[in-house]
Amino acid sequence: MKRTISMAAALMFLAMTGGCYTVNAGRMTDAQRADQLARSVAMASGVNNWPRATSLSFTFVVHDGADLKVSRQHIWNIKAGTDTVSSGDKSTTVNIAKPDMNDPAQVEAFKAWTNDSYWLLAPLKLFDMGVTRQALGRREVAGKTYEVLQLSFQGVGMTPGDRYNMYIDPFTSLVAYWDYMPSAETTMQASWEKYRHVEGLKLATFHQMGTKTIAIENLSVASE
């Protein structure tokens, strides 16, 4: 589950296309319907405010039942293009645009940044280069109906074979669940909940995936 962060193209696309998400959208093509649904998610999540962000910090915490599996702190200097990843007594600063792939510590820090930030910022990255969007129609989860947006990837990220189905609340345009599909045989569903408003962004800070929980703790964003 490794995706990279590149939002300039997304913002340019949104600025050029504009518009709001409508469930009954008339005679749109499948691609237009998918893009309109994706636009609604990005806008509801505050993508227009992302260019103002200068730094972002959070702790990525994973539990399996009562057992702590992962606790990583990130201090991401967005303007400088660096992230400092700390876990236990280890701390590594990585240039996220040009990580040193010959340095094992840099590689691990880059993998952690890529994975952990995607759990936080995926709704802002729907128009990144290499992302293919497909509207799958309506599906029901836990008695509620959602619009489903599938994401697949062409030659981008560290695991380009991954696919995701995002379940979009038709009233808020926020992600409520996603299916993570690392292969055709494997589907893992996770919730997107405990949304927080931070510097114009609206971000989910908790995910339940089977017996595992993923929490985004100590979230802080600084903006210009």
C-alpha atoms as a PDB file:
ATOM      1  CA  MET A   1       0.000   0.000   0.000  1.00  0.00           C
ATOM      2  CA  LYS A   2       2.522   2.551  -1.207  1.00  0.00           C
ATOM      3  CA  ARG A   3       1.415   5.654  -3.070  1.00  0.00           C
ATOM      4  CA  THR A   4       3.335   8.880  -3.634  1.00  0.00           C
ATOM      5  CA  ILE A   5       2.143  12.442  -3.047  1.00  0.00           C
ATOM      6  CA  SER A   6       1.851  14.701  -6.124  1.00  0.00           C
ATOM      7  CA  MET A   7      -1.069  17.097  -6.050  1.00  0.00           C
ATOM      8  CA  ALA A   8      -0.179  19.885  -8.484  1.00  0.00           C
ATOM      9  CA  ALA A   9      -1.740  18.063 -11.433  1.00  0.00           C
ATOM     10  CA  ALA A  10      -4.823  17.315  -9.372  1.00  0.00           C
ATOM     11  CA  LEU A  11      -5.309  20.953  -8.450  1.00  0.00           C
ATOM     12  CA  MET A  12      -4.851  22.063 -12.063  1.00  0.00           C
ATOM     13  CA  PHE A  13      -7.446  19.522 -13.210  1.00  0.00           C
ATOM     14  CA  LEU A  14      -9.919  20.639 -10.565  1.00  0.00           C
ATOM     15  CA  ALA A  15      -9.416  24.297 -11.432  1.00  0.00           C
ATOM     16  CA  MET A  16     -10.042  23.636 -15.121  1.00  0.00           C
ATOM     17  CA  THR A  17     -13.045  21.345 -14.741  1.00  0.00           C
ATOM     18  CA  GLY A  18     -14.856  22.737 -11.700  1.00  0.00           C
ATOM     19  CA  GLY A  19     -18.415  21.663 -10.952  1.00  0.00           C
ATOM     20  CA  CYS A  20     -20.128  19.752  -8.190  1.00  0.00           C
ATOM     21  CA  TYR A  21     -20.971  16.103  -7.773  1.00  0.00           C
ATOM     22  CA  THR A  22     -24.503  15.086  -8.708  1.00  0.00           C
ATOM     23  CA  VAL A  23     -25.673  11.486  -8.292  1.00  0.00           C
ATOM     24  CA  ASN A  24     -28.080  11.656 -11.249  1.00  0.00           C
ATOM     25  CA  ALA A  25     -25.741  13.317 -13.701  1.00  0.00           C
ATOM     26  CA  GLY A  26     -27.524  12.857 -17.015  1.00  0.00           C
ATOM     27  CA  ARG A  27     -25.657  11.723 -20.113  1.00  0.00           C
ATOM     28  CA  MET A  28     -22.104  11.768 -18.842  1.00  0.00           C
ATOM     29  CA  THR A  29     -19.616   9.201 -20.048  1.00  0.00           C
ATOM     30  CA  ASP A  30     -18.278   6.667 -17.565  1.00  0.00           C
ATOM     31  CA  ALA A  31     -15.011   8.601 -17.352  1.00  0.00           C
ATOM     32  CA  GLN A  32     -16.809  11.902 -16.737  1.00  0.00           C
ATOM     33  CA  ARG A  33     -18.949  10.308 -14.044  1.00  0.00           C
ATOM     34  CA  ALA A  34     -15.854   8.933 -12.294  1.00  0.00           C
ATOM     35  CA  ASP A  35     -14.063  12.279 -12.509  1.00  0.00           C
ATOM     36  CA  GLN A  36     -17.059  14.168 -11.169  1.00  0.00           C
ATOM     37  CA  LEU A  37     -17.330  11.788  -8.226  1.00  0.00           C
ATOM     38  CA  ALA A  38     -13.586  12.100  -7.566  1.00  0.00           C
ATOM     39  CA  ARG A  39     -13.813  15.904  -7.773  1.00  0.00           C
ATOM     40  CA  SER A  40     -16.529  15.945  -5.149  1.00  0.00           C
ATOM     41  CA  VAL A  41     -14.362  13.908  -2.782  1.00  0.00           C
ATOM     42  CA  ALA A  42     -11.296  16.093  -3.300  1.00  0.00           C
ATOM     43  CA  MET A  43     -13.266  19.311  -2.803  1.00  0.00           C
ATOM     44  CA  ALA A  44     -15.032  18.038   0.326  1.00  0.00           C
ATOM     45  CA  SER A  45     -11.642  17.050   1.736  1.00  0.00           C
ATOM     46  CA  GLY A  46     -10.217  20.556   1.234  1.00  0.00           C
ATOM     47  CA  VAL A  47      -7.935  20.047  -1.761  1.00  0.00           C
ATOM     48  CA  ASN A  48      -8.090  23.774  -2.602  1.00  0.00           C
ATOM     49  CA  ASN A  49      -6.433  24.539   0.736  1.00  0.00           C
ATOM     50  CA  TRP A  50      -3.602  22.050   0.320  1.00  0.00           C
ATOM     51  CA  PRO A  51      -1.269  24.505  -1.520  1.00  0.00           C
ATOM     52  CA  ARG A  52      -1.291  26.702   1.616  1.00  0.00           C
ATOM     53  CA  ALA A  53       0.088  23.915   3.813  1.00  0.00           C
ATOM     54  CA  THR A  54       3.755  24.323   4.742  1.00  0.00           C
ATOM     55  CA  SER A  55       4.212  21.482   7.218  1.00  0.00           C
ATOM     56  CA  LEU A  56       2.309  18.493   8.528  1.00  0.00           C
ATOM     57  CA  SER A  57       3.044  16.285  11.496  1.00  0.00           C
ATOM     58  CA  PHE A  58       1.322  13.189  12.822  1.00  0.00           C
ATOM     59  CA  THR A  59       1.892   9.838  14.504  1.00  0.00           C
ATOM     60  CA  PHE A  60       0.859   6.706  12.604  1.00  0.00           C
ATOM     61  CA  VAL A  61      -0.287   4.085  15.114  1.00  0.00           C
ATOM     62  CA  VAL A  62      -1.385   0.529  14.315  1.00  0.00           C
ATOM     63  CA  HIS A  63      -2.897  -1.903  16.801  1.00  0.00           C
ATOM     64  CA  ASP A  64      -3.945  -5.505  16.225  1.00  0.00           C
ATOM     65  CA  GLY A  65      -6.400  -6.035  19.034  1.00  0.00           C
ATOM     66  CA  ALA A  66      -4.601  -4.821  22.144  1.00  0.00           C
ATOM     67  CA  ASP A  67      -1.135  -5.293  20.634  1.00  0.00           C
ATOM     68  CA  LEU A  68       0.755  -2.233  19.415  1.00  0.00           C
ATOM     69  CA  LYS A  69       2.295  -3.058  16.032  1.00  0.00           C
ATOM     70  CA  VAL A  70       3.503   0.293  14.693  1.00  0.00           C
ATOM     71  CA  SER A  71       4.070   3.768  16.091  1.00  0.00           C
ATOM     72  CA  ARG A  72       5.825   6.212  13.759  1.00  0.00           C
ATOM     73  CA  GLN A  73       6.086   9.967  14.065  1.00  0.00           C
ATOM     74  CA  HIS A  74       6.266  12.101  10.932  1.00  0.00           C
ATOM     75  CA  ILE A  75       7.411  15.707  10.725  1.00  0.00           C
ATOM     76  CA  TRP A  76       6.881  16.601   7.072  1.00  0.00           C
ATOM     77  CA  ASN A  77       8.328  19.888   5.835  1.00  0.00           C
ATOM     78  CA  ILE A  78       6.143  20.219   2.757  1.00  0.00           C
ATOM     79  CA  LYS A  79       7.917  23.267   1.367  1.00  0.00           C
ATOM     80  CA  ALA A  80      11.370  21.748   1.801  1.00  0.00           C
ATOM     81  CA  GLY A  81      10.230  18.360   0.517  1.00  0.00           C
ATOM     82  CA  THR A  82      11.555  16.405   3.490  1.00  0.00           C
ATOM     83  CA  ASP A  83      10.011  14.128   6.083  1.00  0.00           C
ATOM     84  CA  THR A  84      11.600  13.150   9.387  1.00  0.00           C
ATOM     85  CA  VAL A  85      10.398   9.707  10.416  1.00  0.00           C
ATOM     86  CA  SER A  86      10.936   8.605  14.017  1.00  0.00           C
ATOM     87  CA  SER A  87      10.229   5.215  15.572  1.00  0.00           C
ATOM     88  CA  GLY A  88      11.623   4.211  18.941  1.00  0.00           C
ATOM     89  CA  ASP A  89      15.158   5.588  19.166  1.00  0.00           C
ATOM     90  CA  LYS A  90      15.615   5.808  15.389  1.00  0.00           C
ATOM     91  CA  SER A  91      15.061   8.967  13.372  1.00  0.00           C
ATOM     92  CA  THR A  92      15.694   9.511   9.660  1.00  0.00           C
ATOM     93  CA  THR A  93      15.130  12.539   7.450  1.00  0.00           C
ATOM     94  CA  VAL A  94      14.393  11.707   3.826  1.00  0.00           C
ATOM     95  CA  ASN A  95      14.122  13.851   0.710  1.00  0.00           C
ATOM     96  CA  ILE A  96      10.792  12.571  -0.548  1.00  0.00           C
ATOM     97  CA  ALA A  97      11.449  13.781  -4.112  1.00  0.00           C
ATOM     98  CA  LYS A  98      14.853  12.092  -4.329  1.00  0.00           C
ATOM     99  CA  PRO A  99      15.324   9.457  -1.625  1.00  0.00           C
ATOM    100  CA  ASP A 100      18.693   7.726  -1.564  1.00  0.00           C
ATOM    101  CA  MET A 101      17.637   4.214  -2.565  1.00  0.00           C
ATOM    102  CA  ASN A 102      21.127   2.914  -1.691  1.00  0.00           C
ATOM    103  CA  ASP A 103      20.670   3.870   1.953  1.00  0.00           C
ATOM    104  CA  PRO A 104      18.483   1.306   3.811  1.00  0.00           C
ATOM    105  CA  ALA A 105      17.410   3.877   6.397  1.00  0.00           C
ATOM    106  CA  GLN A 106      16.326   6.293   3.667  1.00  0.00           C
ATOM    107  CA  VAL A 107      14.438   3.543   1.854  1.00  0.00           C
ATOM    108  CA  GLU A 108      12.548   2.552   4.992  1.00  0.00           C
ATOM    109  CA  ALA A 109      11.743   6.171   5.824  1.00  0.00           C
ATOM    110  CA  PHE A 110      10.476   6.780   2.285  1.00  0.00           C
ATOM    111  CA  LYS A 111       8.302   3.646   2.417  1.00  0.00           C
ATOM    112  CA  ALA A 112       6.878   4.755   5.769  1.00  0.00           C
ATOM    113  CA  TRP A 113       6.123   8.266   4.501  1.00  0.00           C
ATOM    114  CA  THR A 114       4.509   6.943   1.328  1.00  0.00           C
ATOM    115  CA  ASN A 115       2.295   4.425   3.123  1.00  0.00           C
ATOM    116  CA  ASP A 116       1.381   6.426   6.208  1.00  0.00           C
ATOM    117  CA  SER A 117       0.598   9.685   4.411  1.00  0.00           C
ATOM    118  CA  TYR A 118      -1.644   7.870   1.934  1.00  0.00           C
ATOM    119  CA  TRP A 119      -3.886   6.686   4.780  1.00  0.00           C
ATOM    120  CA  LEU A 120      -4.293  10.361   5.665  1.00  0.00           C
ATOM    121  CA  LEU A 121      -4.316  12.131   2.293  1.00  0.00           C
ATOM    122  CA  ALA A 122      -5.645   9.662  -0.289  1.00  0.00           C
ATOM    123  CA  PRO A 123      -8.809  11.752  -0.957  1.00  0.00           C
ATOM    124  CA  LEU A 124      -6.563  14.637  -2.056  1.00  0.00           C
ATOM    125  CA  LYS A 125      -4.640  12.481  -4.534  1.00  0.00           C
ATOM    126  CA  LEU A 126      -7.345  11.206  -6.841  1.00  0.00           C
ATOM    127  CA  PHE A 127      -6.035  13.147  -9.856  1.00  0.00           C
ATOM    128  CA  ASP A 128      -2.352  12.321  -9.450  1.00  0.00           C
ATOM    129  CA  MET A 129      -0.591  11.253 -12.623  1.00  0.00           C
ATOM    130  CA  GLY A 130      -1.037   7.556 -13.303  1.00  0.00           C
ATOM    131  CA  VAL A 131      -4.282   7.206 -11.340  1.00  0.00           C
ATOM    132  CA  THR A 132      -7.194   5.619 -13.212  1.00  0.00           C
ATOM    133  CA  ARG A 133     -10.671   6.310 -11.850  1.00  0.00           C
ATOM    134  CA  GLN A 134     -13.770   4.211 -12.474  1.00  0.00           C
ATOM    135  CA  ALA A 135     -17.280   4.747 -11.102  1.00  0.00           C
ATOM    136  CA  LEU A 136     -18.755   1.403 -10.044  1.00  0.00           C
ATOM    137  CA  GLY A 137     -22.230   2.652  -9.129  1.00  0.00           C
ATOM    138  CA  ARG A 138     -23.955   2.219  -5.794  1.00  0.00           C
ATOM    139  CA  ARG A 139     -23.219  -0.398  -3.150  1.00  0.00           C
ATOM    140  CA  GLU A 140     -24.471  -0.939   0.376  1.00  0.00           C
ATOM    141  CA  VAL A 141     -22.316  -1.262   3.483  1.00  0.00           C
ATOM    142  CA  ALA A 142     -23.804  -1.740   6.942  1.00  0.00           C
ATOM    143  CA  GLY A 143     -27.277  -0.788   5.716  1.00  0.00           C
ATOM    144  CA  LYS A 144     -26.246   2.455   3.995  1.00  0.00           C
ATOM    145  CA  THR A 145     -25.831   3.106   0.281  1.00  0.00           C
ATOM    146  CA  TYR A 146     -22.645   4.653  -1.090  1.00  0.00           C
ATOM    147  CA  GLU A 147     -21.283   5.654  -4.476  1.00  0.00           C
ATOM    148  CA  VAL A 148     -18.182   3.579  -5.258  1.00  0.00           C
ATOM    149  CA  LEU A 149     -15.067   4.936  -6.950  1.00  0.00           C
ATOM    150  CA  GLN A 150     -12.364   2.463  -7.950  1.00  0.00           C
ATOM    151  CA  LEU A 151      -8.734   3.558  -8.162  1.00  0.00           C
ATOM    152  CA  SER A 152      -6.032   1.713 -10.067  1.00  0.00           C
ATOM    153  CA  PHE A 153      -2.517   2.795 -10.989  1.00  0.00           C
ATOM    154  CA  GLN A 154      -0.305   2.780 -14.038  1.00  0.00           C
ATOM    155  CA  GLY A 155       3.444   2.886 -13.411  1.00  0.00           C
ATOM    156  CA  VAL A 156       3.260   4.975 -10.249  1.00  0.00           C
ATOM    157  CA  GLY A 157       3.890   4.335  -6.573  1.00  0.00           C
ATOM    158  CA  MET A 158       5.785   1.507  -4.953  1.00  0.00           C
ATOM    159  CA  THR A 159       2.983  -1.053  -5.374  1.00  0.00           C
ATOM    160  CA  PRO A 160       1.290  -0.092  -8.668  1.00  0.00           C
ATOM    161  CA  GLY A 161      -0.755  -3.314  -8.759  1.00  0.00           C
ATOM    162  CA  ASP A 162      -2.861  -2.211  -5.801  1.00  0.00           C
ATOM    163  CA  ARG A 163      -6.482  -1.211  -6.329  1.00  0.00           C
ATOM    164  CA  TYR A 164      -8.931   0.562  -4.034  1.00  0.00           C
ATOM    165  CA  ASN A 165     -12.696   0.908  -3.971  1.00  0.00           C
ATOM    166  CA  MET A 166     -13.686   4.104  -2.176  1.00  0.00           C
ATOM    167  CA  TYR A 167     -17.204   4.197  -0.725  1.00  0.00           C
ATOM    168  CA  ILE A 168     -18.393   7.807  -0.930  1.00  0.00           C
ATOM    169  CA  ASP A 169     -21.149   9.209   1.256  1.00  0.00           C
ATOM    170  CA  PRO A 170     -23.543  10.859  -1.262  1.00  0.00           C
ATOM    171  CA  PHE A 171     -24.508  13.563   1.242  1.00  0.00           C
ATOM    172  CA  THR A 172     -21.060  14.636   2.472  1.00  0.00           C
ATOM    173  CA  SER A 173     -18.858  13.449  -0.447  1.00  0.00           C
ATOM    174  CA  LEU A 174     -16.442  12.059   2.141  1.00  0.00           C
ATOM    175  CA  VAL A 175     -14.908   8.592   2.069  1.00  0.00           C
ATOM    176  CA  ALA A 176     -16.657   6.296   4.563  1.00  0.00           C
ATOM    177  CA  TYR A 177     -14.877   3.017   3.707  1.00  0.00           C
ATOM    178  CA  TRP A 178     -12.441   1.648   1.230  1.00  0.00           C
ATOM    179  CA  ASP A 179     -11.572  -1.807  -0.051  1.00  0.00           C
ATOM    180  CA  TYR A 180      -7.832  -2.348  -0.302  1.00  0.00           C
ATOM    181  CA  MET A 181      -7.095  -4.947  -2.975  1.00  0.00           C
ATOM    182  CA  PRO A 182      -3.400  -5.841  -3.278  1.00  0.00           C
ATOM    183  CA  SER A 183      -4.347  -8.766  -5.561  1.00  0.00           C
ATOM    184  CA  ALA A 184      -7.382 -10.148  -7.364  1.00  0.00           C
ATOM    185  CA  GLU A 185      -7.826 -12.707  -4.577  1.00  0.00           C
ATOM    186  CA  THR A 186      -7.487 -10.357  -1.602  1.00  0.00           C
ATOM    187  CA  THR A 187      -9.833  -7.622  -0.402  1.00  0.00           C
ATOM    188  CA  MET A 188      -9.519  -5.873   2.955  1.00  0.00           C
ATOM    189  CA  GLN A 189     -12.127  -3.291   3.931  1.00  0.00           C
ATOM    190  CA  ALA A 190     -11.272  -0.392   6.229  1.00  0.00           C
ATOM    191  CA  SER A 191     -13.421   2.381   7.634  1.00  0.00           C
ATOM    192  CA  TRP A 192     -12.650   6.078   7.267  1.00  0.00           C
ATOM    193  CA  GLU A 193     -13.887   7.911  10.338  1.00  0.00           C
ATOM    194  CA  LYS A 194     -13.212  10.466  13.078  1.00  0.00           C
ATOM    195  CA  TYR A 195     -12.795  13.297  10.569  1.00  0.00           C
ATOM    196  CA  ARG A 196     -11.011  16.414  11.761  1.00  0.00           C
ATOM    197  CA  HIS A 197     -10.983  19.941  10.340  1.00  0.00           C
ATOM    198  CA  VAL A 198      -7.374  21.164  10.209  1.00  0.00           C
ATOM    199  CA  GLU A 199      -6.344  24.342   8.365  1.00  0.00           C
ATOM    200  CA  GLY A 200      -9.096  23.986   5.782  1.00  0.00           C
ATOM    201  CA  LEU A 201      -8.559  20.248   5.307  1.00  0.00           C
ATOM    202  CA  LYS A 202     -11.046  17.581   6.391  1.00  0.00           C
ATOM    203  CA  LEU A 203      -9.148  14.387   7.143  1.00  0.00           C
ATOM    204  CA  ALA A 204     -10.073  10.976   8.579  1.00  0.00           C
ATOM    205  CA  THR A 205      -7.968  10.061  11.598  1.00  0.00           C
ATOM    206  CA  PHE A 206      -9.149   6.522  12.336  1.00  0.00           C
ATOM    207  CA  HIS A 207      -9.536   3.309  10.346  1.00  0.00           C
ATOM    208  CA  GLN A 208     -10.875  -0.073  11.418  1.00  0.00           C
ATOM    209  CA  MET A 209      -9.699  -2.984   9.262  1.00  0.00           C
ATOM    210  CA  GLY A 210     -10.708  -6.342  10.695  1.00  0.00           C
ATOM    211  CA  THR A 211      -8.956  -6.737  14.042  1.00  0.00           C
ATOM    212  CA  LYS A 212      -6.540  -3.924  13.203  1.00  0.00           C
ATOM    213  CA  THR A 213      -6.951  -0.219  13.872  1.00  0.00           C
ATOM    214  CA  ILE A 214      -4.968   2.567  12.255  1.00  0.00           C
ATOM    215  CA  ALA A 215      -4.994   5.886  14.086  1.00  0.00           C
ATOM    216  CA  ILE A 216      -3.581   9.217  12.964  1.00  0.00           C
ATOM    217  CA  GLU A 217      -2.607  10.838  16.258  1.00  0.00           C
ATOM    218  CA  ASN A 218      -1.130  14.237  17.139  1.00  0.00           C
ATOM    219  CA  LEU A 219      -2.194  15.668  13.775  1.00  0.00           C
ATOM    220  CA  SER A 220      -1.010  19.202  13.125  1.00  0.00           C
ATOM    221  CA  VAL A 221      -0.900  21.300   9.957  1.00  0.00           C
ATOM    222  CA  ALA A 222       0.761  24.674   9.493  1.00  0.00           C
ATOM    223  CA  SER A 223      -0.298  26.919   6.624  1.00  0.00           C
ATOM    224  CA  GLU A 224       0.748  30.173   5.025  1.00  0.00           C
END
